[in-house]
Amino acid sequence: MEIIEWWPKIDPTAKEWLVTHNGEAVAPDVLTKIVAAGGSLTSDARWIGEEGPDGFYLSDEAIDWIEATANGEKA
């Protein structure tokens, strides 16, 4: 499932966190909400980034998508 599919299913608090902290390791509670909305961390979806020492990171493409969405450039 791609970001455009799970984004509408996560709550506003999680969306706000992702916008405010875009590019940072995703907070565990936000990651749980993404998975609950259908975002599988084991898929080859384009939003999947890397696991780093601080946690899970979204891909550069997902970071750009969130920024564009926050700026009203995407639905």
N, C-alpha and C. Protein backbone atom coordinates (compact mmCIF):
# COMPACT_ATOMS: atom_id res chain seq x y z
N MET A 1 0.85 -1.17 0.00
CA MET A 1 0.00 0.00 0.00
C MET A 1 0.90 1.25 0.00
N GLU A 2 0.59 2.16 -0.88
CA GLU A 2 1.38 3.39 -0.99
C GLU A 2 0.89 4.46 -0.01
N ILE A 3 1.70 5.47 0.19
CA ILE A 3 1.40 6.54 1.14
C ILE A 3 0.06 7.21 0.83
N ILE A 4 -0.24 7.39 -0.43
CA ILE A 4 -1.50 8.03 -0.81
C ILE A 4 -2.71 7.23 -0.35
N GLU A 5 -2.52 5.92 -0.11
CA GLU A 5 -3.61 5.06 0.33
C GLU A 5 -3.78 5.06 1.85
N TRP A 6 -2.66 5.08 2.60
CA TRP A 6 -2.81 5.05 4.06
C TRP A 6 -2.90 6.44 4.67
N TRP A 7 -2.42 7.47 4.00
CA TRP A 7 -2.45 8.83 4.55
C TRP A 7 -3.85 9.25 5.01
N PRO A 8 -4.90 9.06 4.20
CA PRO A 8 -6.24 9.48 4.64
C PRO A 8 -6.76 8.67 5.83
N LYS A 9 -6.16 7.53 6.13
CA LYS A 9 -6.64 6.65 7.18
C LYS A 9 -5.97 6.90 8.53
N ILE A 10 -4.91 7.70 8.56
CA ILE A 10 -4.29 7.98 9.86
C ILE A 10 -4.91 9.23 10.46
N ASP A 11 -4.84 9.34 11.77
CA ASP A 11 -5.50 10.45 12.43
C ASP A 11 -4.74 11.77 12.24
N PRO A 12 -5.41 12.89 12.45
CA PRO A 12 -4.78 14.20 12.25
C PRO A 12 -3.52 14.42 13.08
N THR A 13 -3.47 13.84 14.27
CA THR A 13 -2.29 13.99 15.12
C THR A 13 -1.06 13.34 14.47
N ALA A 14 -1.24 12.15 13.90
CA ALA A 14 -0.15 11.46 13.22
C ALA A 14 0.29 12.23 11.98
N LYS A 15 -0.68 12.75 11.23
CA LYS A 15 -0.35 13.55 10.05
C LYS A 15 0.45 14.79 10.44
N GLU A 16 0.00 15.46 11.50
CA GLU A 16 0.69 16.66 11.97
C GLU A 16 2.12 16.32 12.39
N TRP A 17 2.29 15.20 13.08
CA TRP A 17 3.63 14.80 13.50
C TRP A 17 4.50 14.57 12.27
N LEU A 18 3.98 13.86 11.28
CA LEU A 18 4.76 13.58 10.07
C LEU A 18 5.15 14.86 9.32
N VAL A 19 4.27 15.83 9.31
CA VAL A 19 4.57 17.11 8.65
C VAL A 19 5.62 17.87 9.45
N THR A 20 5.41 17.97 10.74
CA THR A 20 6.30 18.74 11.61
C THR A 20 7.70 18.12 11.70
N HIS A 21 7.76 16.81 11.69
CA HIS A 21 9.03 16.10 11.87
C HIS A 21 9.47 15.41 10.58
N ASN A 22 9.07 15.94 9.45
CA ASN A 22 9.37 15.34 8.15
C ASN A 22 10.87 15.17 7.97
N GLY A 23 11.28 13.96 7.66
CA GLY A 23 12.69 13.64 7.46
C GLY A 23 13.35 13.01 8.68
N GLU A 24 12.69 13.09 9.83
CA GLU A 24 13.23 12.49 11.05
C GLU A 24 12.79 11.02 11.14
N ALA A 25 13.42 10.29 12.06
CA ALA A 25 12.97 8.93 12.33
C ALA A 25 11.51 9.01 12.79
N VAL A 26 10.69 8.11 12.30
CA VAL A 26 9.26 8.13 12.62
C VAL A 26 9.06 7.64 14.05
N ALA A 27 8.30 8.41 14.82
CA ALA A 27 8.00 8.04 16.21
C ALA A 27 7.28 6.69 16.22
N PRO A 28 7.61 5.84 17.19
CA PRO A 28 6.98 4.51 17.24
C PRO A 28 5.45 4.54 17.23
N ASP A 29 4.83 5.49 17.93
CA ASP A 29 3.37 5.53 17.94
C ASP A 29 2.80 5.91 16.58
N VAL A 30 3.50 6.78 15.86
CA VAL A 30 3.06 7.17 14.52
C VAL A 30 3.24 5.99 13.56
N LEU A 31 4.34 5.28 13.69
CA LEU A 31 4.58 4.12 12.85
C LEU A 31 3.51 3.06 13.09
N THR A 32 3.10 2.89 14.33
CA THR A 32 2.02 1.95 14.66
C THR A 32 0.72 2.35 13.95
N LYS A 33 0.44 3.64 13.92
CA LYS A 33 -0.77 4.14 13.25
C LYS A 33 -0.70 3.92 11.74
N ILE A 34 0.48 4.08 11.16
CA ILE A 34 0.66 3.84 9.72
C ILE A 34 0.39 2.37 9.41
N VAL A 35 0.96 1.49 10.20
CA VAL A 35 0.76 0.06 9.99
C VAL A 35 -0.71 -0.31 10.18
N ALA A 36 -1.35 0.26 11.19
CA ALA A 36 -2.77 -0.02 11.43
C ALA A 36 -3.64 0.45 10.27
N ALA A 37 -3.18 1.47 9.56
CA ALA A 37 -3.93 2.00 8.42
C ALA A 37 -3.64 1.22 7.14
N GLY A 38 -2.76 0.22 7.23
CA GLY A 38 -2.49 -0.62 6.07
C GLY A 38 -1.10 -0.50 5.49
N GLY A 39 -0.28 0.37 6.05
CA GLY A 39 1.09 0.52 5.54
C GLY A 39 1.99 -0.58 6.06
N SER A 40 2.38 -1.49 5.19
CA SER A 40 3.22 -2.62 5.59
C SER A 40 4.70 -2.25 5.48
N LEU A 41 5.42 -2.46 6.57
CA LEU A 41 6.85 -2.14 6.59
C LEU A 41 7.68 -3.17 5.84
N THR A 42 7.09 -4.29 5.47
CA THR A 42 7.83 -5.33 4.76
C THR A 42 7.53 -5.32 3.27
N SER A 43 6.80 -4.33 2.81
CA SER A 43 6.46 -4.26 1.39
C SER A 43 7.58 -3.54 0.63
N ASP A 44 7.43 -3.49 -0.66
CA ASP A 44 8.39 -2.75 -1.49
C ASP A 44 7.79 -1.41 -1.92
N ALA A 45 6.86 -0.91 -1.13
CA ALA A 45 6.22 0.38 -1.44
C ALA A 45 7.27 1.49 -1.45
N ARG A 46 7.00 2.50 -2.24
CA ARG A 46 7.97 3.59 -2.43
C ARG A 46 8.15 4.44 -1.18
N TRP A 47 7.25 4.38 -0.21
CA TRP A 47 7.39 5.20 0.99
C TRP A 47 8.33 4.58 2.01
N ILE A 48 8.68 3.31 1.81
CA ILE A 48 9.55 2.60 2.74
C ILE A 48 10.97 3.14 2.61
N GLY A 49 11.51 3.57 3.73
CA GLY A 49 12.88 4.06 3.75
C GLY A 49 13.80 3.04 4.37
N GLU A 50 14.61 3.49 5.30
CA GLU A 50 15.58 2.61 5.92
C GLU A 50 15.43 2.60 7.44
N GLU A 51 15.92 1.55 8.04
CA GLU A 51 16.01 1.46 9.49
C GLU A 51 17.38 1.99 9.87
N GLY A 52 17.39 2.98 10.72
CA GLY A 52 18.65 3.57 11.16
C GLY A 52 18.82 3.42 12.65
N PRO A 53 19.90 3.97 13.20
CA PRO A 53 20.15 3.85 14.63
C PRO A 53 19.06 4.51 15.48
N ASP A 54 18.37 5.50 14.91
CA ASP A 54 17.32 6.20 15.65
C ASP A 54 15.92 5.65 15.37
N GLY A 55 15.81 4.68 14.46
CA GLY A 55 14.52 4.12 14.13
C GLY A 55 14.27 4.05 12.65
N PHE A 56 12.99 3.98 12.29
CA PHE A 56 12.56 3.84 10.90
C PHE A 56 12.45 5.21 10.23
N TYR A 57 12.95 5.29 9.01
CA TYR A 57 12.87 6.52 8.22
C TYR A 57 12.04 6.29 6.97
N LEU A 58 11.28 7.29 6.60
CA LEU A 58 10.55 7.25 5.34
C LEU A 58 11.54 7.48 4.20
N SER A 59 11.15 7.08 3.01
CA SER A 59 11.99 7.30 1.84
C SER A 59 12.02 8.79 1.47
N ASP A 60 13.00 9.17 0.67
CA ASP A 60 13.07 10.56 0.19
C ASP A 60 11.80 10.93 -0.58
N GLU A 61 11.28 9.98 -1.34
CA GLU A 61 10.05 10.23 -2.10
C GLU A 61 8.87 10.51 -1.17
N ALA A 62 8.77 9.76 -0.08
CA ALA A 62 7.70 9.99 0.89
C ALA A 62 7.87 11.33 1.59
N ILE A 63 9.09 11.68 1.92
CA ILE A 63 9.37 12.98 2.55
C ILE A 63 8.93 14.11 1.63
N ASP A 64 9.27 14.00 0.35
CA ASP A 64 8.85 15.01 -0.63
C ASP A 64 7.33 15.06 -0.76
N TRP A 65 6.68 13.90 -0.75
CA TRP A 65 5.22 13.82 -0.88
C TRP A 65 4.55 14.51 0.31
N ILE A 66 5.04 14.24 1.51
CA ILE A 66 4.47 14.86 2.71
C ILE A 66 4.65 16.37 2.66
N GLU A 67 5.81 16.83 2.25
CA GLU A 67 6.06 18.27 2.14
C GLU A 67 5.10 18.91 1.14
N ALA A 68 4.93 18.27 -0.01
CA ALA A 68 4.02 18.80 -1.02
C ALA A 68 2.58 18.81 -0.51
N THR A 69 2.19 17.76 0.20
CA THR A 69 0.85 17.68 0.77
C THR A 69 0.64 18.79 1.80
N ALA A 70 1.63 18.99 2.65
CA ALA A 70 1.54 20.04 3.68
C ALA A 70 1.44 21.43 3.05
N ASN A 71 2.04 21.59 1.87
CA ASN A 71 1.98 22.88 1.17
C ASN A 71 0.77 23.01 0.28
N GLY A 72 -0.15 22.03 0.34
CA GLY A 72 -1.36 22.10 -0.45
C GLY A 72 -1.19 21.73 -1.90
N GLU A 73 -0.07 21.11 -2.23
CA GLU A 73 0.20 20.74 -3.62
C GLU A 73 -0.39 19.37 -3.98
N LYS A 74 -0.79 18.59 -2.98
CA LYS A 74 -1.40 17.27 -3.21
C LYS A 74 -2.63 17.16 -2.32
N ALA A 75 -3.48 16.24 -2.70
CA ALA A 75 -4.70 16.01 -1.88
C ALA A 75 -4.42 15.08 -0.75
